[in-house]
Amino acid sequence: MAEKLVIMVTHGSDAAERATIPFVMATAAQASDVEVLMGFQADGVELVKKGVADDICAPGFPPLKTLLDAYIEAGGVMYACGPCVKSRNIDPATDFVAGAKVVNAATFVKECTEATNVLTY
């Protein structure tokens, strides 16, 4: 059975380190041939909005934009919580980065229960 890692992200642009570390873990997992899915909830949904990652750079880490681009280029999957997106007036059709899509709670539950491991940040 192939390994699958789900990374749930709940922090946004106001917490640069907590927003960046999940992408470090995701790209490292991709480089190790682990299937990765990133889920974004609460303030984390900000990170799949175009342009938000451009100005986030936590000390000691690569810029978030670099990590996000690498994750997308490697085929990374990004799911965003529907109610969280709606409450922040984010329009998925125009505001999302490539590869991000809105899902419901049942999808998150399914992905997490099928994963080898789940990390939450």
PDB file of N, CA and C in Angstrom:
ATOM      1  N   MET A   1       0.839  -1.190   0.000  1.00  0.00           N
ATOM      2  CA  MET A   1       0.000   0.000   0.000  1.00  0.00           C
ATOM      3  C   MET A   1       0.882   1.251   0.000  1.00  0.00           C
ATOM      4  N   ALA A   2       0.582   2.187  -0.875  1.00  0.00           N
ATOM      5  CA  ALA A   2       1.340   3.431  -0.950  1.00  0.00           C
ATOM      6  C   ALA A   2       1.033   4.296   0.262  1.00  0.00           C
ATOM      7  N   GLU A   3       2.023   5.061   0.672  1.00  0.00           N
ATOM      8  CA  GLU A   3       1.825   5.958   1.809  1.00  0.00           C
ATOM      9  C   GLU A   3       1.082   7.212   1.357  1.00  0.00           C
ATOM     10  N   LYS A   4       0.193   7.683   2.227  1.00  0.00           N
ATOM     11  CA  LYS A   4      -0.552   8.904   1.952  1.00  0.00           C
ATOM     12  C   LYS A   4      -0.535   9.765   3.206  1.00  0.00           C
ATOM     13  N   LEU A   5      -0.165  11.025   3.019  1.00  0.00           N
ATOM     14  CA  LEU A   5      -0.097  11.983   4.115  1.00  0.00           C
ATOM     15  C   LEU A   5      -1.108  13.088   3.870  1.00  0.00           C
ATOM     16  N   VAL A   6      -1.952  13.338   4.858  1.00  0.00           N
ATOM     17  CA  VAL A   6      -2.863  14.479   4.821  1.00  0.00           C
ATOM     18  C   VAL A   6      -2.329  15.498   5.810  1.00  0.00           C
ATOM     19  N   ILE A   7      -2.201  16.724   5.344  1.00  0.00           N
ATOM     20  CA  ILE A   7      -1.726  17.815   6.199  1.00  0.00           C
ATOM     21  C   ILE A   7      -2.845  18.851   6.292  1.00  0.00           C
ATOM     22  N   MET A   8      -3.349  19.040   7.499  1.00  0.00           N
ATOM     23  CA  MET A   8      -4.411  20.017   7.741  1.00  0.00           C
ATOM     24  C   MET A   8      -3.773  21.318   8.230  1.00  0.00           C
ATOM     25  N   VAL A   9      -4.128  22.417   7.572  1.00  0.00           N
ATOM     26  CA  VAL A   9      -3.536  23.722   7.848  1.00  0.00           C
ATOM     27  C   VAL A   9      -4.626  24.654   8.367  1.00  0.00           C
ATOM     28  N   THR A  10      -4.416  25.194   9.569  1.00  0.00           N
ATOM     29  CA  THR A  10      -5.420  26.069  10.165  1.00  0.00           C
ATOM     30  C   THR A  10      -4.914  27.489  10.419  1.00  0.00           C
ATOM     31  N   HIS A  11      -3.657  27.749  10.076  1.00  0.00           N
ATOM     32  CA  HIS A  11      -3.088  29.085  10.299  1.00  0.00           C
ATOM     33  C   HIS A  11      -2.866  29.784   8.969  1.00  0.00           C
ATOM     34  N   GLY A  12      -3.063  31.093   8.969  1.00  0.00           N
ATOM     35  CA  GLY A  12      -2.923  31.883   7.753  1.00  0.00           C
ATOM     36  C   GLY A  12      -1.726  32.802   7.774  1.00  0.00           C
ATOM     37  N   SER A  13      -1.859  33.901   7.081  1.00  0.00           N
ATOM     38  CA  SER A  13      -0.753  34.830   6.869  1.00  0.00           C
ATOM     39  C   SER A  13      -0.284  35.523   8.146  1.00  0.00           C
ATOM     40  N   ASP A  14      -1.093  35.508   9.199  1.00  0.00           N
ATOM     41  CA  ASP A  14      -0.705  36.156  10.445  1.00  0.00           C
ATOM     42  C   ASP A  14       0.270  35.304  11.266  1.00  0.00           C
ATOM     43  N   ALA A  15       0.538  34.086  10.821  1.00  0.00           N
ATOM     44  CA  ALA A  15       1.458  33.182  11.524  1.00  0.00           C
ATOM     45  C   ALA A  15       2.391  32.555  10.490  1.00  0.00           C
ATOM     46  N   ALA A  16       3.391  33.315  10.074  1.00  0.00           N
ATOM     47  CA  ALA A  16       4.264  32.911   8.961  1.00  0.00           C
ATOM     48  C   ALA A  16       4.887  31.533   9.150  1.00  0.00           C
ATOM     49  N   GLU A  17       5.405  31.253  10.328  1.00  0.00           N
ATOM     50  CA  GLU A  17       6.060  29.964  10.556  1.00  0.00           C
ATOM     51  C   GLU A  17       5.046  28.818  10.491  1.00  0.00           C
ATOM     52  N   ARG A  18       3.908  28.988  11.132  1.00  0.00           N
ATOM     53  CA  ARG A  18       2.880  27.936  11.139  1.00  0.00           C
ATOM     54  C   ARG A  18       2.222  27.778   9.777  1.00  0.00           C
ATOM     55  N   ALA A  19       2.279  28.787   8.938  1.00  0.00           N
ATOM     56  CA  ALA A  19       1.774  28.683   7.573  1.00  0.00           C
ATOM     57  C   ALA A  19       2.793  28.011   6.659  1.00  0.00           C
ATOM     58  N   THR A  20       4.069  28.176   6.957  1.00  0.00           N
ATOM     59  CA  THR A  20       5.136  27.671   6.101  1.00  0.00           C
ATOM     60  C   THR A  20       5.480  26.211   6.369  1.00  0.00           C
ATOM     61  N   ILE A  21       5.555  25.821   7.620  1.00  0.00           N
ATOM     62  CA  ILE A  21       5.976  24.462   7.970  1.00  0.00           C
ATOM     63  C   ILE A  21       5.143  23.379   7.276  1.00  0.00           C
ATOM     64  N   PRO A  22       3.826  23.509   7.170  1.00  0.00           N
ATOM     65  CA  PRO A  22       3.076  22.467   6.461  1.00  0.00           C
ATOM     66  C   PRO A  22       3.535  22.276   5.011  1.00  0.00           C
ATOM     67  N   PHE A  23       3.916  23.367   4.349  1.00  0.00           N
ATOM     68  CA  PHE A  23       4.393  23.264   2.970  1.00  0.00           C
ATOM     69  C   PHE A  23       5.788  22.652   2.909  1.00  0.00           C
ATOM     70  N   VAL A  24       6.604  22.907   3.918  1.00  0.00           N
ATOM     71  CA  VAL A  24       7.914  22.251   3.996  1.00  0.00           C
ATOM     72  C   VAL A  24       7.707  20.738   4.114  1.00  0.00           C
ATOM     73  N   MET A  25       6.817  20.346   4.989  1.00  0.00           N
ATOM     74  CA  MET A  25       6.527  18.924   5.178  1.00  0.00           C
ATOM     75  C   MET A  25       5.923  18.311   3.920  1.00  0.00           C
ATOM     76  N   ALA A  26       5.034  19.033   3.281  1.00  0.00           N
ATOM     77  CA  ALA A  26       4.373  18.521   2.070  1.00  0.00           C
ATOM     78  C   ALA A  26       5.359  18.311   0.932  1.00  0.00           C
ATOM     79  N   THR A  27       6.223  19.279   0.697  1.00  0.00           N
ATOM     80  CA  THR A  27       7.182  19.136  -0.400  1.00  0.00           C
ATOM     81  C   THR A  27       8.229  18.070  -0.082  1.00  0.00           C
ATOM     82  N   ALA A  28       8.596  17.931   1.185  1.00  0.00           N
ATOM     83  CA  ALA A  28       9.527  16.862   1.570  1.00  0.00           C
ATOM     84  C   ALA A  28       8.887  15.492   1.352  1.00  0.00           C
ATOM     85  N   ALA A  29       7.611  15.376   1.675  1.00  0.00           N
ATOM     86  CA  ALA A  29       6.896  14.112   1.462  1.00  0.00           C
ATOM     87  C   ALA A  29       6.799  13.800  -0.029  1.00  0.00           C
ATOM     88  N   GLN A  30       6.494  14.807  -0.835  1.00  0.00           N
ATOM     89  CA  GLN A  30       6.433  14.595  -2.282  1.00  0.00           C
ATOM     90  C   GLN A  30       7.778  14.101  -2.810  1.00  0.00           C
ATOM     91  N   ALA A  31       8.859  14.685  -2.318  1.00  0.00           N
ATOM     92  CA  ALA A  31      10.198  14.282  -2.748  1.00  0.00           C
ATOM     93  C   ALA A  31      10.524  12.860  -2.322  1.00  0.00           C
ATOM     94  N   SER A  32       9.798  12.363  -1.328  1.00  0.00           N
ATOM     95  CA  SER A  32       9.995  10.998  -0.828  1.00  0.00           C
ATOM     96  C   SER A  32       8.960  10.029  -1.406  1.00  0.00           C
ATOM     97  N   ASP A  33       8.295  10.445  -2.481  1.00  0.00           N
ATOM     98  CA  ASP A  33       7.278   9.622  -3.154  1.00  0.00           C
ATOM     99  C   ASP A  33       6.094   9.261  -2.275  1.00  0.00           C
ATOM    100  N   VAL A  34       5.730  10.150  -1.367  1.00  0.00           N
ATOM    101  CA  VAL A  34       4.543   9.975  -0.538  1.00  0.00           C
ATOM    102  C   VAL A  34       3.423  10.800  -1.165  1.00  0.00           C
ATOM    103  N   GLU A  35       2.248  10.216  -1.304  1.00  0.00           N
ATOM    104  CA  GLU A  35       1.087  10.952  -1.795  1.00  0.00           C
ATOM    105  C   GLU A  35       0.691  11.966  -0.721  1.00  0.00           C
ATOM    106  N   VAL A  36       0.476  13.202  -1.130  1.00  0.00           N
ATOM    107  CA  VAL A  36       0.160  14.267  -0.170  1.00  0.00           C
ATOM    108  C   VAL A  36      -1.123  14.986  -0.569  1.00  0.00           C
ATOM    109  N   LEU A  37      -1.939  15.274   0.421  1.00  0.00           N
ATOM    110  CA  LEU A  37      -3.111  16.119   0.249  1.00  0.00           C
ATOM    111  C   LEU A  37      -3.053  17.149   1.367  1.00  0.00           C
ATOM    112  N   MET A  38      -3.186  18.417   1.003  1.00  0.00           N
ATOM    113  CA  MET A  38      -3.236  19.469   2.008  1.00  0.00           C
ATOM    114  C   MET A  38      -4.671  19.958   2.140  1.00  0.00           C
ATOM    115  N   GLY A  39      -5.145  20.034   3.391  1.00  0.00           N
ATOM    116  CA  GLY A  39      -6.473  20.541   3.684  1.00  0.00           C
ATOM    117  C   GLY A  39      -6.345  21.861   4.430  1.00  0.00           C
ATOM    118  N   PHE A  40      -7.168  22.819   4.062  1.00  0.00           N
ATOM    119  CA  PHE A  40      -7.094  24.145   4.658  1.00  0.00           C
ATOM    120  C   PHE A  40      -8.419  24.477   5.325  1.00  0.00           C
ATOM    121  N   GLN A  41      -8.343  24.800   6.613  1.00  0.00           N
ATOM    122  CA  GLN A  41      -9.521  25.158   7.401  1.00  0.00           C
ATOM    123  C   GLN A  41      -9.222  26.429   8.193  1.00  0.00           C
ATOM    124  N   ALA A  42     -10.277  27.050   8.703  1.00  0.00           N
ATOM    125  CA  ALA A  42     -10.155  28.281   9.491  1.00  0.00           C
ATOM    126  C   ALA A  42      -9.295  29.288   8.714  1.00  0.00           C
ATOM    127  N   ASP A  43      -8.359  29.974   9.381  1.00  0.00           N
ATOM    128  CA  ASP A  43      -7.530  30.980   8.713  1.00  0.00           C
ATOM    129  C   ASP A  43      -6.621  30.380   7.645  1.00  0.00           C
ATOM    130  N   GLY A  44      -6.432  29.076   7.674  1.00  0.00           N
ATOM    131  CA  GLY A  44      -5.593  28.414   6.679  1.00  0.00           C
ATOM    132  C   GLY A  44      -6.093  28.597   5.255  1.00  0.00           C
ATOM    133  N   VAL A  45      -7.406  28.804   5.069  1.00  0.00           N
ATOM    134  CA  VAL A  45      -7.927  28.958   3.713  1.00  0.00           C
ATOM    135  C   VAL A  45      -7.347  30.186   3.011  1.00  0.00           C
ATOM    136  N   GLU A  46      -6.858  31.148   3.777  1.00  0.00           N
ATOM    137  CA  GLU A  46      -6.219  32.325   3.174  1.00  0.00           C
ATOM    138  C   GLU A  46      -5.042  31.930   2.288  1.00  0.00           C
ATOM    139  N   LEU A  47      -4.373  30.834   2.637  1.00  0.00           N
ATOM    140  CA  LEU A  47      -3.144  30.443   1.949  1.00  0.00           C
ATOM    141  C   LEU A  47      -3.366  29.929   0.536  1.00  0.00           C
ATOM    142  N   VAL A  48      -4.599  29.561   0.186  1.00  0.00           N
ATOM    143  CA  VAL A  48      -4.870  29.132  -1.184  1.00  0.00           C
ATOM    144  C   VAL A  48      -5.465  30.274  -2.017  1.00  0.00           C
ATOM    145  N   LYS A  49      -5.458  31.455  -1.464  1.00  0.00           N
ATOM    146  CA  LYS A  49      -5.913  32.639  -2.186  1.00  0.00           C
ATOM    147  C   LYS A  49      -4.722  33.232  -2.945  1.00  0.00           C
ATOM    148  N   LYS A  50      -4.925  33.519  -4.219  1.00  0.00           N
ATOM    149  CA  LYS A  50      -3.862  34.071  -5.057  1.00  0.00           C
ATOM    150  C   LYS A  50      -3.200  35.277  -4.394  1.00  0.00           C
ATOM    151  N   GLY A  51      -1.877  35.290  -4.409  1.00  0.00           N
ATOM    152  CA  GLY A  51      -1.110  36.429  -3.932  1.00  0.00           C
ATOM    153  C   GLY A  51      -0.795  36.445  -2.452  1.00  0.00           C
ATOM    154  N   VAL A  52      -1.527  35.699  -1.646  1.00  0.00           N
ATOM    155  CA  VAL A  52      -1.307  35.725  -0.198  1.00  0.00           C
ATOM    156  C   VAL A  52       0.074  35.181   0.158  1.00  0.00           C
ATOM    157  N   ALA A  53       0.475  34.100  -0.477  1.00  0.00           N
ATOM    158  CA  ALA A  53       1.769  33.474  -0.164  1.00  0.00           C
ATOM    159  C   ALA A  53       2.961  34.330  -0.593  1.00  0.00           C
ATOM    160  N   ASP A  54       2.739  35.283  -1.479  1.00  0.00           N
ATOM    161  CA  ASP A  54       3.835  36.075  -2.045  1.00  0.00           C
ATOM    162  C   ASP A  54       4.652  36.823  -0.997  1.00  0.00           C
ATOM    163  N   ASP A  55       4.028  37.235   0.084  1.00  0.00           N
ATOM    164  CA  ASP A  55       4.706  38.064   1.082  1.00  0.00           C
ATOM    165  C   ASP A  55       4.984  37.346   2.393  1.00  0.00           C
ATOM    166  N   ILE A  56       4.856  36.018   2.420  1.00  0.00           N
ATOM    167  CA  ILE A  56       5.094  35.274   3.654  1.00  0.00           C
ATOM    168  C   ILE A  56       6.459  34.606   3.595  1.00  0.00           C
ATOM    169  N   CYS A  57       7.295  34.965   4.539  1.00  0.00           N
ATOM    170  CA  CYS A  57       8.630  34.378   4.606  1.00  0.00           C
ATOM    171  C   CYS A  57       9.042  34.272   6.076  1.00  0.00           C
ATOM    172  N   ALA A  58       8.959  33.078   6.608  1.00  0.00           N
ATOM    173  CA  ALA A  58       9.339  32.849   7.999  1.00  0.00           C
ATOM    174  C   ALA A  58      10.865  32.735   8.089  1.00  0.00           C
ATOM    175  N   PRO A  59      11.474  33.323   9.104  1.00  0.00           N
ATOM    176  CA  PRO A  59      12.925  33.241   9.255  1.00  0.00           C
ATOM    177  C   PRO A  59      13.412  31.787   9.259  1.00  0.00           C
ATOM    178  N   GLY A  60      14.445  31.527   8.459  1.00  0.00           N
ATOM    179  CA  GLY A  60      15.050  30.204   8.407  1.00  0.00           C
ATOM    180  C   GLY A  60      14.399  29.252   7.416  1.00  0.00           C
ATOM    181  N   PHE A  61      13.328  29.688   6.760  1.00  0.00           N
ATOM    182  CA  PHE A  61      12.604  28.847   5.808  1.00  0.00           C
ATOM    183  C   PHE A  61      12.596  29.491   4.429  1.00  0.00           C
ATOM    184  N   PRO A  62      12.406  28.679   3.384  1.00  0.00           N
ATOM    185  CA  PRO A  62      12.221  29.274   2.058  1.00  0.00           C
ATOM    186  C   PRO A  62      10.936  30.100   2.045  1.00  0.00           C
ATOM    187  N   PRO A  63      10.835  31.063   1.137  1.00  0.00           N
ATOM    188  CA  PRO A  63       9.592  31.833   1.025  1.00  0.00           C
ATOM    189  C   PRO A  63       8.407  30.895   0.745  1.00  0.00           C
ATOM    190  N   LEU A  64       7.267  31.211   1.315  1.00  0.00           N
ATOM    191  CA  LEU A  64       6.089  30.371   1.133  1.00  0.00           C
ATOM    192  C   LEU A  64       5.708  30.268  -0.340  1.00  0.00           C
ATOM    193  N   LYS A  65       5.858  31.326  -1.093  1.00  0.00           N
ATOM    194  CA  LYS A  65       5.536  31.305  -2.527  1.00  0.00           C
ATOM    195  C   LYS A  65       6.355  30.237  -3.249  1.00  0.00           C
ATOM    196  N   THR A  66       7.619  30.110  -2.898  1.00  0.00           N
ATOM    197  CA  THR A  66       8.491  29.101  -3.509  1.00  0.00           C
ATOM    198  C   THR A  66       7.993  27.696  -3.179  1.00  0.00           C
ATOM    199  N   LEU A  67       7.626  27.474  -1.928  1.00  0.00           N
ATOM    200  CA  LEU A  67       7.127  26.167  -1.496  1.00  0.00           C
ATOM    201  C   LEU A  67       5.775  25.848  -2.134  1.00  0.00           C
ATOM    202  N   LEU A  68       4.886  26.831  -2.178  1.00  0.00           N
ATOM    203  CA  LEU A  68       3.569  26.642  -2.785  1.00  0.00           C
ATOM    204  C   LEU A  68       3.717  26.280  -4.262  1.00  0.00           C
ATOM    205  N   ASP A  69       4.558  27.009  -4.972  1.00  0.00           N
ATOM    206  CA  ASP A  69       4.768  26.726  -6.392  1.00  0.00           C
ATOM    207  C   ASP A  69       5.343  25.325  -6.604  1.00  0.00           C
ATOM    208  N   ALA A  70       6.286  24.926  -5.765  1.00  0.00           N
ATOM    209  CA  ALA A  70       6.884  23.588  -5.869  1.00  0.00           C
ATOM    210  C   ALA A  70       5.838  22.513  -5.595  1.00  0.00           C
ATOM    211  N   TYR A  71       4.992  22.741  -4.594  1.00  0.00           N
ATOM    212  CA  TYR A  71       3.946  21.784  -4.248  1.00  0.00           C
ATOM    213  C   TYR A  71       2.971  21.616  -5.415  1.00  0.00           C
ATOM    214  N   ILE A  72       2.544  22.730  -6.000  1.00  0.00           N
ATOM    215  CA  ILE A  72       1.617  22.689  -7.130  1.00  0.00           C
ATOM    216  C   ILE A  72       2.275  22.004  -8.325  1.00  0.00           C
ATOM    217  N   GLU A  73       3.508  22.370  -8.616  1.00  0.00           N
ATOM    218  CA  GLU A  73       4.227  21.796  -9.763  1.00  0.00           C
ATOM    219  C   GLU A  73       4.363  20.278  -9.645  1.00  0.00           C
ATOM    220  N   ALA A  74       4.487  19.784  -8.428  1.00  0.00           N
ATOM    221  CA  ALA A  74       4.623  18.345  -8.200  1.00  0.00           C
ATOM    222  C   ALA A  74       3.259  17.641  -8.144  1.00  0.00           C
ATOM    223  N   GLY A  75       2.207  18.360  -8.493  1.00  0.00           N
ATOM    224  CA  GLY A  75       0.875  17.759  -8.534  1.00  0.00           C
ATOM    225  C   GLY A  75       0.127  17.786  -7.228  1.00  0.00           C
ATOM    226  N   GLY A  76       0.530  18.648  -6.313  1.00  0.00           N
ATOM    227  CA  GLY A  76      -0.101  18.731  -4.999  1.00  0.00           C
ATOM    228  C   GLY A  76      -1.585  19.031  -5.058  1.00  0.00           C
ATOM    229  N   VAL A  77      -2.325  18.366  -4.194  1.00  0.00           N
ATOM    230  CA  VAL A  77      -3.769  18.544  -4.088  1.00  0.00           C
ATOM    231  C   VAL A  77      -4.066  19.430  -2.878  1.00  0.00           C
ATOM    232  N   MET A  78      -4.968  20.403  -3.068  1.00  0.00           N
ATOM    233  CA  MET A  78      -5.327  21.311  -1.989  1.00  0.00           C
ATOM    234  C   MET A  78      -6.836  21.407  -1.879  1.00  0.00           C
ATOM    235  N   TYR A  79      -7.353  21.070  -0.708  1.00  0.00           N
ATOM    236  CA  TYR A  79      -8.780  21.155  -0.426  1.00  0.00           C
ATOM    237  C   TYR A  79      -9.013  22.249   0.610  1.00  0.00           C
ATOM    238  N   ALA A  80     -10.018  23.072   0.365  1.00  0.00           N
ATOM    239  CA  ALA A  80     -10.357  24.155   1.292  1.00  0.00           C
ATOM    240  C   ALA A  80     -11.771  23.950   1.829  1.00  0.00           C
ATOM    241  N   CYS A  81     -11.933  24.216   3.099  1.00  0.00           N
ATOM    242  CA  CYS A  81     -13.211  24.083   3.801  1.00  0.00           C
ATOM    243  C   CYS A  81     -14.227  25.078   3.244  1.00  0.00           C
ATOM    244  N   GLY A  82     -15.357  24.551   2.757  1.00  0.00           N
ATOM    245  CA  GLY A  82     -16.383  25.401   2.176  1.00  0.00           C
ATOM    246  C   GLY A  82     -16.888  26.513   3.079  1.00  0.00           C
ATOM    247  N   PRO A  83     -17.339  26.204   4.302  1.00  0.00           N
ATOM    248  CA  PRO A  83     -17.826  27.277   5.175  1.00  0.00           C
ATOM    249  C   PRO A  83     -16.733  28.299   5.519  1.00  0.00           C
ATOM    250  N   CYS A  84     -15.483  27.837   5.652  1.00  0.00           N
ATOM    251  CA  CYS A  84     -14.376  28.758   5.977  1.00  0.00           C
ATOM    252  C   CYS A  84     -14.119  29.714   4.818  1.00  0.00           C
ATOM    253  N   VAL A  85     -14.192  29.205   3.601  1.00  0.00           N
ATOM    254  CA  VAL A  85     -14.014  30.029   2.403  1.00  0.00           C
ATOM    255  C   VAL A  85     -15.153  31.046   2.303  1.00  0.00           C
ATOM    256  N   LYS A  86     -16.364  30.558   2.497  1.00  0.00           N
ATOM    257  CA  LYS A  86     -17.536  31.427   2.383  1.00  0.00           C
ATOM    258  C   LYS A  86     -17.521  32.545   3.424  1.00  0.00           C
ATOM    259  N   SER A  87     -17.157  32.215   4.668  1.00  0.00           N
ATOM    260  CA  SER A  87     -17.174  33.225   5.730  1.00  0.00           C
ATOM    261  C   SER A  87     -16.110  34.306   5.529  1.00  0.00           C
ATOM    262  N   ARG A  88     -15.134  34.020   4.678  1.00  0.00           N
ATOM    263  CA  ARG A  88     -14.077  34.998   4.394  1.00  0.00           C
ATOM    264  C   ARG A  88     -14.286  35.673   3.033  1.00  0.00           C
ATOM    265  N   ASN A  89     -15.451  35.431   2.435  1.00  0.00           N
ATOM    266  CA  ASN A  89     -15.806  36.037   1.144  1.00  0.00           C
ATOM    267  C   ASN A  89     -14.759  35.790   0.064  1.00  0.00           C
ATOM    268  N   ILE A  90     -14.212  34.588   0.046  1.00  0.00           N
ATOM    269  CA  ILE A  90     -13.256  34.197  -0.984  1.00  0.00           C
ATOM    270  C   ILE A  90     -14.043  33.517  -2.104  1.00  0.00           C
ATOM    271  N   ASP A  91     -13.803  33.944  -3.340  1.00  0.00           N
ATOM    272  CA  ASP A  91     -14.475  33.356  -4.494  1.00  0.00           C
ATOM    273  C   ASP A  91     -13.535  32.325  -5.130  1.00  0.00           C
ATOM    274  N   PRO A  92     -13.819  31.039  -4.947  1.00  0.00           N
ATOM    275  CA  PRO A  92     -12.934  30.000  -5.491  1.00  0.00           C
ATOM    276  C   PRO A  92     -12.707  30.122  -6.996  1.00  0.00           C
ATOM    277  N   ALA A  93     -13.697  30.586  -7.728  1.00  0.00           N
ATOM    278  CA  ALA A  93     -13.583  30.676  -9.185  1.00  0.00           C
ATOM    279  C   ALA A  93     -12.536  31.687  -9.634  1.00  0.00           C
ATOM    280  N   THR A  94     -12.327  32.730  -8.845  1.00  0.00           N
ATOM    281  CA  THR A  94     -11.382  33.771  -9.251  1.00  0.00           C
ATOM    282  C   THR A  94     -10.207  33.946  -8.293  1.00  0.00           C
ATOM    283  N   ASP A  95     -10.383  33.540  -7.047  1.00  0.00           N
ATOM    284  CA  ASP A  95      -9.378  33.839  -6.023  1.00  0.00           C
ATOM    285  C   ASP A  95      -8.389  32.715  -5.735  1.00  0.00           C
ATOM    286  N   PHE A  96      -8.721  31.473  -6.060  1.00  0.00           N
ATOM    287  CA  PHE A  96      -7.871  30.330  -5.689  1.00  0.00           C
ATOM    288  C   PHE A  96      -6.650  30.182  -6.580  1.00  0.00           C
ATOM    289  N   VAL A  97      -5.571  29.693  -5.981  1.00  0.00           N
ATOM    290  CA  VAL A  97      -4.389  29.291  -6.755  1.00  0.00           C
ATOM    291  C   VAL A  97      -4.736  28.004  -7.506  1.00  0.00           C
ATOM    292  N   ALA A  98      -3.932  27.670  -8.487  1.00  0.00           N
ATOM    293  CA  ALA A  98      -4.156  26.457  -9.280  1.00  0.00           C
ATOM    294  C   ALA A  98      -4.174  25.228  -8.382  1.00  0.00           C
ATOM    295  N   GLY A  99      -5.106  24.345  -8.628  1.00  0.00           N
ATOM    296  CA  GLY A  99      -5.158  23.077  -7.901  1.00  0.00           C
ATOM    297  C   GLY A  99      -5.962  23.082  -6.623  1.00  0.00           C
ATOM    298  N   ALA A 100      -6.425  24.243  -6.174  1.00  0.00           N
ATOM    299  CA  ALA A 100      -7.210  24.304  -4.936  1.00  0.00           C
ATOM    300  C   ALA A 100      -8.691  24.174  -5.263  1.00  0.00           C
ATOM    301  N   LYS A 101      -9.412  23.460  -4.404  1.00  0.00           N
ATOM    302  CA  LYS A 101     -10.856  23.338  -4.589  1.00  0.00           C
ATOM    303  C   LYS A 101     -11.561  23.264  -3.256  1.00  0.00           C
ATOM    304  N   VAL A 102     -12.813  23.663  -3.265  1.00  0.00           N
ATOM    305  CA  VAL A 102     -13.651  23.656  -2.063  1.00  0.00           C
ATOM    306  C   VAL A 102     -14.215  22.254  -1.870  1.00  0.00           C
ATOM    307  N   VAL A 103     -14.178  21.797  -0.611  1.00  0.00           N
ATOM    308  CA  VAL A 103     -14.775  20.504  -0.257  1.00  0.00           C
ATOM    309  C   VAL A 103     -15.574  20.660   1.032  1.00  0.00           C
ATOM    310  N   ASN A 104     -16.318  19.594   1.370  1.00  0.00           N
ATOM    311  CA  ASN A 104     -17.111  19.613   2.595  1.00  0.00           C
ATOM    312  C   ASN A 104     -16.439  18.765   3.681  1.00  0.00           C
ATOM    313  N   ALA A 105     -17.010  18.765   4.847  1.00  0.00           N
ATOM    314  CA  ALA A 105     -16.439  18.036   5.984  1.00  0.00           C
ATOM    315  C   ALA A 105     -16.332  16.546   5.710  1.00  0.00           C
ATOM    316  N   ALA A 106     -17.312  15.983   5.027  1.00  0.00           N
ATOM    317  CA  ALA A 106     -17.288  14.547   4.739  1.00  0.00           C
ATOM    318  C   ALA A 106     -16.064  14.171   3.905  1.00  0.00           C
ATOM    319  N   THR A 107     -15.672  15.055   2.989  1.00  0.00           N
ATOM    320  CA  THR A 107     -14.480  14.795   2.178  1.00  0.00           C
ATOM    321  C   THR A 107     -13.233  14.792   3.053  1.00  0.00           C
ATOM    322  N   PHE A 108     -13.137  15.758   3.970  1.00  0.00           N
ATOM    323  CA  PHE A 108     -11.991  15.777   4.884  1.00  0.00           C
ATOM    324  C   PHE A 108     -11.946  14.510   5.735  1.00  0.00           C
ATOM    325  N   VAL A 109     -13.087  14.095   6.244  1.00  0.00           N
ATOM    326  CA  VAL A 109     -13.132  12.876   7.063  1.00  0.00           C
ATOM    327  C   VAL A 109     -12.682  11.675   6.244  1.00  0.00           C
ATOM    328  N   LYS A 110     -13.180  11.547   5.039  1.00  0.00           N
ATOM    329  CA  LYS A 110     -12.803  10.432   4.171  1.00  0.00           C
ATOM    330  C   LYS A 110     -11.297  10.424   3.911  1.00  0.00           C
ATOM    331  N   GLU A 111     -10.750  11.565   3.540  1.00  0.00           N
ATOM    332  CA  GLU A 111      -9.316  11.651   3.235  1.00  0.00           C
ATOM    333  C   GLU A 111      -8.466  11.331   4.464  1.00  0.00           C
ATOM    334  N   CYS A 112      -8.851  11.849   5.612  1.00  0.00           N
ATOM    335  CA  CYS A 112      -8.079  11.608   6.836  1.00  0.00           C
ATOM    336  C   CYS A 112      -8.144  10.141   7.280  1.00  0.00           C
ATOM    337  N   THR A 113      -9.303   9.527   7.156  1.00  0.00           N
ATOM    338  CA  THR A 113      -9.419   8.129   7.590  1.00  0.00           C
ATOM    339  C   THR A 113      -8.741   7.170   6.629  1.00  0.00           C
ATOM    340  N   GLU A 114      -8.546   7.588   5.379  1.00  0.00           N
ATOM    341  CA  GLU A 114      -7.853   6.751   4.405  1.00  0.00           C
ATOM    342  C   GLU A 114      -6.356   6.983   4.376  1.00  0.00           C
ATOM    343  N   ALA A 115      -5.869   8.012   5.039  1.00  0.00           N
ATOM    344  CA  ALA A 115      -4.442   8.360   5.012  1.00  0.00           C
ATOM    345  C   ALA A 115      -3.629   7.453   5.927  1.00  0.00           C
ATOM    346  N   THR A 116      -2.357   7.319   5.564  1.00  0.00           N
ATOM    347  CA  THR A 116      -1.417   6.613   6.439  1.00  0.00           C
ATOM    348  C   THR A 116      -1.174   7.439   7.695  1.00  0.00           C
ATOM    349  N   ASN A 117      -1.032   8.756   7.504  1.00  0.00           N
ATOM    350  CA  ASN A 117      -0.792   9.689   8.602  1.00  0.00           C
ATOM    351  C   ASN A 117      -1.476  11.017   8.328  1.00  0.00           C
ATOM    352  N   VAL A 118      -1.812  11.722   9.404  1.00  0.00           N
ATOM    353  CA  VAL A 118      -2.401  13.051   9.300  1.00  0.00           C
ATOM    354  C   VAL A 118      -1.625  13.974  10.237  1.00  0.00           C
ATOM    355  N   LEU A 119      -1.194  15.110   9.696  1.00  0.00           N
ATOM    356  CA  LEU A 119      -0.531  16.147  10.487  1.00  0.00           C
ATOM    357  C   LEU A 119      -1.439  17.374  10.510  1.00  0.00           C
ATOM    358  N   THR A 120      -1.476  18.061  11.638  1.00  0.00           N
ATOM    359  CA  THR A 120      -2.276  19.268  11.752  1.00  0.00           C
ATOM    360  C   THR A 120      -1.406  20.419  12.245  1.00  0.00           C
ATOM    361  N   TYR A 121      -1.518  21.524  11.550  1.00  0.00           N
ATOM    362  CA  TYR A 121      -0.770  22.728  11.912  1.00  0.00           C
ATOM    363  C   TYR A 121      -1.723  23.895  12.085  1.00  0.00           C
TER     364      TYR A 121
END
